[in-house]
Amino acid sequence: MAQSFPRLCQRCGTAVANNQAFCPNCGTPLSGAVPVNAPNPHYQQGYAPNASPQQGYPQASQGGQQPPAFAQPQKKRRTGCIVGTILLLLLLVLVSTGGYFGWKWYTGSHLAGSVQNVLQTGPQSPITTTPINATVNYASVDVTIINAQQAKSFVNDNSSTAPGTVRINIHAVQSDVNDVGEGSRIDPNYDYPSSFSLILPGGNNVALVGSKDVNGPTHAGSQTTWLDFTVPTTVQVNQLILHIGKDTQEQIDIPLTGHADVSKYQAKQSTLNTRVPFGSMFWTLTTVTVKLSDSATQADKGNDFIILGLSIDNPSSEGNNGYPPDYMRLQCGSTSIVLSNNLIGNASANTTAVKGIVSFKVPQGTSSCSLILLPGHTPGATSQAEIPFQVPA
């Protein structure tokens, strides 16, 4: 009778009884199982180097556990899992690294604008306001300094940054008190950046860094605007001086104390009503005004403007009082000065109270002058006429 030998699973090498159809260890069908005394290529391949051939094989009665010599197939699977795990980790690293730099690129290129907008429209830092309420005339513009405000920065102006900003709020009205026209036709010839600055304690000059408007108002217009200067917040507003005017001009300094005396910059005027005959007409010098600006022009350094108000009566039948620069002069001591500007209506026949304004640029400190009317340029004027006056101080 043939002997019934236990079998070995071809997959894992576990000893299996003859009456079992599947390996109790790995579940492999046993139709191809190898008898225990037959050569087993899997066993020979996975035989441990320190195993002895006389050791034999464990029987199923020993628990059906896999001998150590048959662990090689599982080692291969574990190695494959380890390699797969490493590759997966590398992939995750690459993805996460790429994602990080991708996010950095996105935030740098797409969110920068949002950050900038936040900086421009963020909450306003605390503001300290100092009332000034001082008015001066510069280049035929009445400039009223309403107040001075101090803050770290202002949300509607990103030109000025730390260590702080001083904002000057002003109301400007373009005008000329001696303009006899229907409305002022004078355009200011200054711009804020070149004409306005601040003087710090110690005398250092701070230039304008931002403004709501670049130029002043024109054509009898008005303007409410602001000018910003970079000033440390440690400097008090009442220590500052608003400096108006270019280096070549007569300049105006306004201490920002709230009670600055600016009277020395104001126009001064006197009334005369001195009447003289000139040819077939009568000329009356009505007012004499001394000021720092005329017709949108600020006086040159060391000079004033003298503006003369005139009234012409022409009872004759002849008209046309000629071209004023041809026959009008201002005599101050030994100096004869020509017209700077004039606006005189035509004294036609049988007219009265024709208004006129003429201006002359004179050295500061001039005390007395005479208006000279030269003959030969107006109807019937064969001799010179002269109207002396005192310059208001």
Protein backbone atom coordinates (compact mmCIF):
# COMPACT_ATOMS: atom_id res chain seq x y z
CA MET A 1 0.00 0.00 0.00
CA ALA A 2 1.37 3.33 -1.03
CA GLN A 3 2.42 5.66 1.78
CA SER A 4 0.45 8.93 2.15
CA PHE A 5 3.01 11.66 2.62
CA PRO A 6 2.17 15.12 3.90
CA ARG A 7 2.48 17.78 1.27
CA LEU A 8 4.17 21.19 1.12
CA CYS A 9 2.43 24.31 -0.19
CA GLN A 10 4.16 25.42 -3.38
CA ARG A 11 3.61 29.05 -2.48
CA CYS A 12 4.69 29.33 1.16
CA GLY A 13 6.18 25.88 1.93
CA THR A 14 3.84 25.06 4.79
CA ALA A 15 3.34 21.30 5.48
CA VAL A 16 -0.26 20.37 4.66
CA ALA A 17 -2.20 17.16 5.37
CA ASN A 18 -3.37 15.07 2.40
CA ASN A 19 -7.03 15.64 3.13
CA GLN A 20 -6.73 19.49 2.94
CA ALA A 21 -7.64 21.24 -0.33
CA PHE A 22 -6.17 24.66 0.61
CA CYS A 23 -3.07 25.79 2.46
CA PRO A 24 -4.07 26.71 6.04
CA ASN A 25 -1.38 29.46 6.03
CA CYS A 26 -1.82 31.32 2.76
CA GLY A 27 -5.01 29.83 1.28
CA THR A 28 -3.38 28.62 -1.94
CA PRO A 29 -5.18 25.67 -3.67
CA LEU A 30 -3.22 22.47 -3.01
CA SER A 31 -3.75 20.63 -6.29
CA GLY A 32 -0.10 21.27 -7.14
CA ALA A 33 1.31 20.62 -3.67
CA VAL A 34 4.67 18.81 -3.48
CA PRO A 35 5.11 15.65 -1.33
CA VAL A 36 7.24 16.26 1.69
CA ASN A 37 10.00 13.90 0.51
CA ALA A 38 10.08 15.31 -3.02
CA PRO A 39 12.56 17.96 -4.09
CA ASN A 40 11.06 21.44 -3.60
CA PRO A 41 12.63 24.15 -5.74
CA HIS A 42 11.14 26.88 -3.55
CA TYR A 43 12.66 25.36 -0.47
CA GLN A 44 16.07 24.92 -2.11
CA GLN A 45 15.98 28.49 -3.35
CA GLY A 46 14.97 29.87 0.03
CA TYR A 47 17.12 27.54 2.15
CA ALA A 48 18.91 29.45 4.85
CA PRO A 49 22.74 29.28 4.60
CA ASN A 50 23.12 28.10 8.16
CA ALA A 51 20.49 25.34 7.90
CA SER A 52 21.56 21.70 7.88
CA PRO A 53 20.02 19.25 5.36
CA GLN A 54 19.55 16.73 8.17
CA GLN A 55 17.23 19.09 10.04
CA GLY A 56 14.25 18.04 7.96
CA TYR A 57 11.02 19.97 7.83
CA PRO A 58 8.50 20.84 10.46
CA GLN A 59 5.34 18.77 10.35
CA ALA A 60 1.78 20.03 10.29
CA SER A 61 1.46 18.86 13.86
CA GLN A 62 3.94 21.63 14.84
CA GLY A 63 1.34 24.32 14.21
CA GLY A 64 1.62 24.66 10.45
CA GLN A 65 3.90 27.67 10.82
CA GLN A 66 6.22 28.68 7.98
CA PRO A 67 9.85 27.74 8.52
CA PRO A 68 12.29 30.63 8.58
CA ALA A 69 13.94 29.23 5.46
CA PHE A 70 10.85 30.14 3.43
CA ALA A 71 10.67 33.89 4.36
CA GLN A 72 12.31 35.09 1.11
CA PRO A 73 9.12 35.58 -0.95
CA GLN A 74 7.63 37.83 1.79
CA LYS A 75 10.88 39.82 1.95
CA LYS A 76 10.50 40.61 -1.72
CA ARG A 77 6.98 41.86 -1.17
CA ARG A 78 8.07 43.96 1.81
CA THR A 79 10.92 45.43 -0.22
CA GLY A 80 8.48 46.38 -2.95
CA CYS A 81 6.20 48.04 -0.39
CA ILE A 82 9.12 49.96 1.08
CA VAL A 83 10.23 51.17 -2.36
CA GLY A 84 6.65 52.18 -3.17
CA THR A 85 6.35 54.01 0.14
CA ILE A 86 9.60 55.91 -0.52
CA LEU A 87 8.43 56.88 -4.00
CA LEU A 88 5.11 58.06 -2.58
CA LEU A 89 6.88 60.16 0.06
CA LEU A 90 9.14 61.71 -2.61
CA LEU A 91 6.09 62.52 -4.68
CA LEU A 92 4.40 64.14 -1.68
CA VAL A 93 7.53 66.20 -1.00
CA LEU A 94 7.68 67.38 -4.60
CA VAL A 95 4.01 68.23 -4.64
CA SER A 96 4.16 70.04 -1.32
CA THR A 97 7.33 71.94 -2.30
CA GLY A 98 5.88 72.93 -5.63
CA GLY A 99 2.67 73.93 -3.92
CA TYR A 100 4.58 76.07 -1.41
CA PHE A 101 6.53 77.95 -4.06
CA GLY A 102 3.44 78.15 -6.23
CA TRP A 103 1.53 79.73 -3.35
CA LYS A 104 4.41 82.12 -2.68
CA TRP A 105 4.36 83.16 -6.34
CA TYR A 106 0.60 83.58 -6.29
CA THR A 107 0.58 85.62 -3.12
CA GLY A 108 3.51 87.72 -4.33
CA SER A 109 2.06 88.48 -7.75
CA HIS A 110 -1.68 88.45 -7.12
CA LEU A 111 -2.04 89.68 -3.55
CA ALA A 112 0.49 92.53 -3.69
CA GLY A 113 -2.12 94.85 -5.12
CA SER A 114 -4.52 93.98 -2.33
CA VAL A 115 -1.86 94.76 0.27
CA GLN A 116 -1.12 98.08 -1.44
CA ASN A 117 -4.80 98.95 -1.45
CA VAL A 118 -5.03 98.15 2.23
CA LEU A 119 -2.11 100.48 2.87
CA GLN A 120 -3.79 103.25 0.87
CA THR A 121 -7.28 102.80 2.27
CA GLY A 122 -6.55 101.51 5.76
CA PRO A 123 -7.64 103.19 8.97
CA GLN A 124 -6.50 106.76 9.47
CA SER A 125 -3.89 107.25 12.18
CA PRO A 126 -4.78 109.80 14.90
CA ILE A 127 -4.75 113.43 13.72
CA THR A 128 -3.89 116.51 15.75
CA THR A 129 -5.36 119.74 14.32
CA THR A 130 -4.00 123.23 15.00
CA PRO A 131 -6.18 126.16 13.82
CA ILE A 132 -4.18 128.82 11.96
CA ASN A 133 -6.65 131.15 10.16
CA ALA A 134 -4.08 133.43 8.54
CA THR A 135 -4.50 135.03 5.10
CA VAL A 136 -1.77 136.39 2.81
CA ASN A 137 -1.67 137.33 -0.85
CA TYR A 138 0.80 135.51 -3.05
CA ALA A 139 0.97 136.04 -6.83
CA SER A 140 -2.50 137.66 -6.77
CA VAL A 141 -4.01 134.71 -4.89
CA ASP A 142 -5.49 135.23 -1.44
CA VAL A 143 -4.21 132.20 0.46
CA THR A 144 -5.94 131.40 3.75
CA ILE A 145 -4.19 128.82 5.90
CA ILE A 146 -7.14 127.15 7.61
CA ASN A 147 -5.27 124.75 9.87
CA ALA A 148 -2.30 122.44 10.18
CA GLN A 149 -2.84 118.73 10.83
CA GLN A 150 -0.26 116.27 12.10
CA ALA A 151 -0.38 112.47 11.84
CA LYS A 152 1.86 109.52 11.09
CA SER A 153 0.32 109.47 7.60
CA PHE A 154 -2.88 110.32 5.73
CA VAL A 155 -4.86 107.63 3.96
CA ASN A 156 -5.51 109.76 0.86
CA ASP A 157 -1.83 110.50 0.29
CA ASN A 158 0.79 107.74 0.16
CA SER A 159 3.58 110.15 -0.87
CA SER A 160 4.60 110.87 2.70
CA THR A 161 5.64 108.11 5.08
CA ALA A 162 7.27 107.73 8.49
CA PRO A 163 8.38 109.48 10.61
CA GLY A 164 5.22 111.55 10.15
CA THR A 165 3.28 114.07 8.06
CA VAL A 166 2.10 117.64 8.51
CA ARG A 167 -0.80 118.65 6.28
CA ILE A 168 -1.59 122.30 5.59
CA ASN A 169 -5.24 122.89 4.63
CA ILE A 170 -5.76 126.07 2.66
CA HIS A 171 -8.46 127.98 0.83
CA ALA A 172 -7.18 129.95 -2.18
CA VAL A 173 -9.04 132.66 -4.09
CA GLN A 174 -7.58 134.09 -7.27
CA SER A 175 -8.24 137.82 -7.25
CA ASP A 176 -6.79 141.25 -7.70
CA VAL A 177 -8.45 144.05 -5.75
CA ASN A 178 -7.45 146.60 -8.36
CA ASP A 179 -8.75 144.73 -11.39
CA VAL A 180 -11.40 146.93 -13.02
CA GLY A 181 -12.57 144.27 -15.45
CA GLU A 182 -15.81 142.33 -15.24
CA GLY A 183 -13.96 139.62 -13.39
CA SER A 184 -10.36 138.77 -12.80
CA ARG A 185 -8.60 137.55 -15.93
CA ILE A 186 -5.37 136.77 -14.14
CA ASP A 187 -3.90 133.29 -14.03
CA PRO A 188 -1.55 132.47 -11.15
CA ASN A 189 1.90 131.60 -12.38
CA TYR A 190 2.97 129.44 -9.47
CA ASP A 191 2.68 125.78 -8.64
CA TYR A 192 2.55 124.45 -5.10
CA PRO A 193 5.65 122.17 -5.23
CA SER A 194 8.01 125.01 -6.19
CA SER A 195 6.43 127.75 -4.07
CA PHE A 196 5.45 126.16 -0.73
CA SER A 197 7.70 124.54 1.89
CA LEU A 198 8.08 124.17 5.65
CA ILE A 199 10.91 125.44 7.84
CA LEU A 200 11.83 123.17 10.74
CA PRO A 201 13.32 124.27 14.05
CA GLY A 202 16.94 125.06 13.30
CA GLY A 203 16.19 126.40 9.83
CA ASN A 204 16.11 123.25 7.69
CA ASN A 205 13.69 123.50 4.77
CA VAL A 206 11.26 120.64 4.04
CA ALA A 207 9.92 120.36 0.49
CA LEU A 208 6.35 119.48 -0.43
CA VAL A 209 5.85 115.72 -0.92
CA GLY A 210 2.16 115.53 -1.80
CA SER A 211 -0.77 117.79 -2.61
CA LYS A 212 -4.38 117.59 -3.69
CA ASP A 213 -3.73 120.12 -6.49
CA VAL A 214 -0.58 121.12 -8.34
CA ASN A 215 -1.55 124.67 -9.32
CA GLY A 216 -3.59 127.40 -7.73
CA PRO A 217 -7.02 128.59 -8.90
CA THR A 218 -7.44 130.54 -12.14
CA HIS A 219 -9.89 133.03 -13.65
CA ALA A 220 -11.43 134.41 -10.46
CA GLY A 221 -11.80 130.88 -9.15
CA SER A 222 -11.44 129.48 -5.66
CA GLN A 223 -9.91 126.29 -4.37
CA THR A 224 -9.83 124.32 -1.13
CA THR A 225 -6.81 122.06 -1.11
CA TRP A 226 -4.12 120.50 1.08
CA LEU A 227 -0.34 120.30 1.06
CA ASP A 228 1.64 117.49 2.77
CA PHE A 229 5.16 117.62 4.20
CA THR A 230 7.25 114.90 5.85
CA VAL A 231 7.87 116.03 9.43
CA PRO A 232 8.75 113.84 12.45
CA THR A 233 5.86 113.50 14.86
CA THR A 234 8.23 114.60 17.62
CA VAL A 235 8.25 118.11 16.14
CA GLN A 236 5.35 120.28 17.31
CA VAL A 237 3.30 122.16 14.71
CA ASN A 238 3.79 125.46 16.54
CA GLN A 239 7.53 125.09 15.93
CA LEU A 240 7.06 125.14 12.14
CA ILE A 241 6.97 127.99 9.62
CA LEU A 242 5.09 127.84 6.33
CA HIS A 243 7.40 129.33 3.70
CA ILE A 244 5.76 130.71 0.53
CA GLY A 245 7.63 131.95 -2.53
CA LYS A 246 10.57 131.08 -4.74
CA ASP A 247 14.13 132.10 -3.96
CA THR A 248 14.04 134.90 -6.55
CA GLN A 249 10.83 136.38 -5.14
CA GLU A 250 9.70 138.28 -2.10
CA GLN A 251 8.86 135.43 0.24
CA ILE A 252 6.28 135.05 2.98
CA ASP A 253 6.87 133.25 6.27
CA ILE A 254 3.91 132.25 8.44
CA PRO A 255 4.66 130.73 11.87
CA LEU A 256 2.11 127.98 12.49
CA THR A 257 1.33 129.14 16.01
CA GLY A 258 -2.29 130.09 15.39
CA HIS A 259 -1.62 133.75 16.18
CA ALA A 260 1.03 134.78 13.65
CA ASP A 261 1.27 138.47 12.71
CA VAL A 262 1.17 138.64 8.91
CA SER A 263 0.33 142.34 8.66
CA LYS A 264 3.67 143.18 7.07
CA TYR A 265 2.65 141.12 4.02
CA GLN A 266 -0.68 142.88 3.54
CA ALA A 267 -1.31 145.52 0.88
CA LYS A 268 -1.28 149.13 2.04
CA GLN A 269 -3.40 151.78 0.34
CA SER A 270 -4.01 155.49 0.51
CA THR A 271 -6.69 157.64 -1.15
CA LEU A 272 -5.73 160.89 -2.96
CA ASN A 273 -8.27 162.08 -5.55
CA THR A 274 -5.70 164.50 -7.01
CA ARG A 275 -6.96 165.89 -10.38
CA VAL A 276 -4.82 167.45 -13.16
CA PRO A 277 -5.53 168.56 -16.76
CA PHE A 278 -3.74 166.68 -19.51
CA GLY A 279 -4.50 167.84 -23.05
CA SER A 280 -8.25 167.88 -23.56
CA MET A 281 -8.82 165.44 -20.66
CA PHE A 282 -8.68 165.45 -16.88
CA TRP A 283 -6.79 162.71 -15.01
CA THR A 284 -7.46 161.92 -11.36
CA LEU A 285 -5.14 159.81 -9.23
CA THR A 286 -7.61 158.14 -6.86
CA THR A 287 -5.61 155.52 -4.93
CA VAL A 288 -2.04 154.45 -4.32
CA THR A 289 -1.45 150.84 -3.27
CA VAL A 290 1.80 149.13 -2.39
CA LYS A 291 1.82 145.30 -2.39
CA LEU A 292 3.95 142.24 -3.05
CA SER A 293 2.10 140.93 -6.08
CA ASP A 294 0.27 142.19 -9.12
CA SER A 295 -1.33 140.53 -12.14
CA ALA A 296 -0.38 137.02 -10.97
CA THR A 297 3.24 138.02 -10.47
CA GLN A 298 5.06 138.01 -7.15
CA ALA A 299 7.51 140.89 -6.72
CA ASP A 300 11.19 140.16 -7.23
CA LYS A 301 13.25 139.98 -4.09
CA GLY A 302 13.79 143.45 -2.64
CA ASN A 303 10.95 145.03 -4.63
CA ASP A 304 7.33 146.11 -4.25
CA PHE A 305 4.57 146.88 -6.71
CA ILE A 306 3.00 150.33 -6.66
CA ILE A 307 -0.46 150.27 -8.19
CA LEU A 308 -2.17 153.53 -9.10
CA GLY A 309 -5.92 153.82 -9.49
CA LEU A 310 -7.02 156.42 -12.07
CA SER A 311 -10.18 158.06 -13.35
CA ILE A 312 -10.33 159.93 -16.70
CA ASP A 313 -12.87 162.54 -17.77
CA ASN A 314 -13.02 163.60 -21.43
CA PRO A 315 -15.46 166.50 -22.04
CA SER A 316 -14.05 167.14 -25.52
CA SER A 317 -15.18 165.88 -28.89
CA GLU A 318 -11.89 164.04 -29.39
CA GLY A 319 -11.37 160.51 -28.15
CA ASN A 320 -8.60 157.91 -27.73
CA ASN A 321 -6.27 158.46 -24.82
CA GLY A 322 -3.43 156.62 -26.58
CA TYR A 323 -1.19 153.74 -25.54
CA PRO A 324 -0.24 154.19 -21.83
CA PRO A 325 3.31 152.72 -21.99
CA ASP A 326 4.16 155.47 -24.50
CA TYR A 327 3.43 158.40 -22.21
CA MET A 328 3.22 157.17 -18.59
CA ARG A 329 6.21 157.04 -16.23
CA LEU A 330 6.82 156.85 -12.50
CA GLN A 331 9.50 159.22 -11.21
CA CYS A 332 11.03 158.18 -7.88
CA GLY A 333 13.90 160.52 -7.01
CA SER A 334 16.21 160.46 -9.98
CA THR A 335 14.88 157.13 -11.28
CA SER A 336 12.32 156.95 -14.08
CA ILE A 337 10.37 153.69 -14.07
CA VAL A 338 8.32 152.31 -16.95
CA LEU A 339 4.99 150.54 -16.61
CA SER A 340 4.84 146.95 -15.50
CA ASN A 341 1.14 146.45 -16.24
CA ASN A 342 -1.82 148.61 -17.15
CA LEU A 343 -5.53 148.32 -17.67
CA ILE A 344 -7.08 151.58 -18.80
CA GLY A 345 -10.36 152.03 -20.62
CA ASN A 346 -10.62 154.21 -23.74
CA ALA A 347 -11.72 157.73 -22.79
CA SER A 348 -13.77 158.42 -25.87
CA ALA A 349 -15.43 161.81 -26.52
CA ASN A 350 -17.84 163.12 -23.87
CA THR A 351 -17.14 160.36 -21.33
CA THR A 352 -16.55 160.58 -17.59
CA ALA A 353 -15.04 158.41 -14.87
CA VAL A 354 -13.24 156.03 -17.23
CA LYS A 355 -11.36 153.71 -14.86
CA GLY A 356 -7.76 152.77 -15.16
CA ILE A 357 -5.07 150.92 -13.23
CA VAL A 358 -1.32 151.05 -13.79
CA SER A 359 1.45 149.33 -11.85
CA PHE A 360 5.17 149.90 -11.42
CA LYS A 361 7.85 147.81 -9.80
CA VAL A 362 9.89 149.85 -7.30
CA PRO A 363 12.65 149.14 -4.74
CA GLN A 364 11.36 148.49 -1.24
CA GLY A 365 11.61 151.52 0.99
CA THR A 366 10.55 153.99 -1.72
CA SER A 367 8.67 156.77 0.05
CA SER A 368 7.59 159.31 -2.54
CA CYS A 369 7.07 159.37 -6.32
CA SER A 370 5.28 161.27 -9.07
CA LEU A 371 3.11 160.03 -11.91
CA ILE A 372 4.39 161.64 -15.12
CA LEU A 373 2.18 162.04 -18.23
CA LEU A 374 4.34 162.77 -21.29
CA PRO A 375 2.98 164.98 -24.13
CA GLY A 376 2.55 164.04 -27.76
CA HIS A 377 0.54 160.84 -27.44
CA THR A 378 -2.98 161.93 -26.46
CA PRO A 379 -5.32 164.52 -28.01
CA GLY A 380 -4.30 168.12 -27.18
CA ALA A 381 -1.46 167.07 -24.83
CA THR A 382 1.40 169.48 -25.64
CA SER A 383 2.94 169.68 -22.17
CA GLN A 384 3.79 167.26 -19.40
CA ALA A 385 1.49 166.65 -16.44
CA GLU A 386 2.68 165.52 -13.04
CA ILE A 387 0.88 164.11 -9.99
CA PRO A 388 3.09 163.73 -6.86
CA PHE A 389 2.16 161.33 -4.04
CA GLN A 390 3.48 159.58 -0.93
CA VAL A 391 3.91 155.82 -0.87
CA PRO A 392 1.84 154.32 1.97
CA ALA A 393 3.97 152.65 4.62
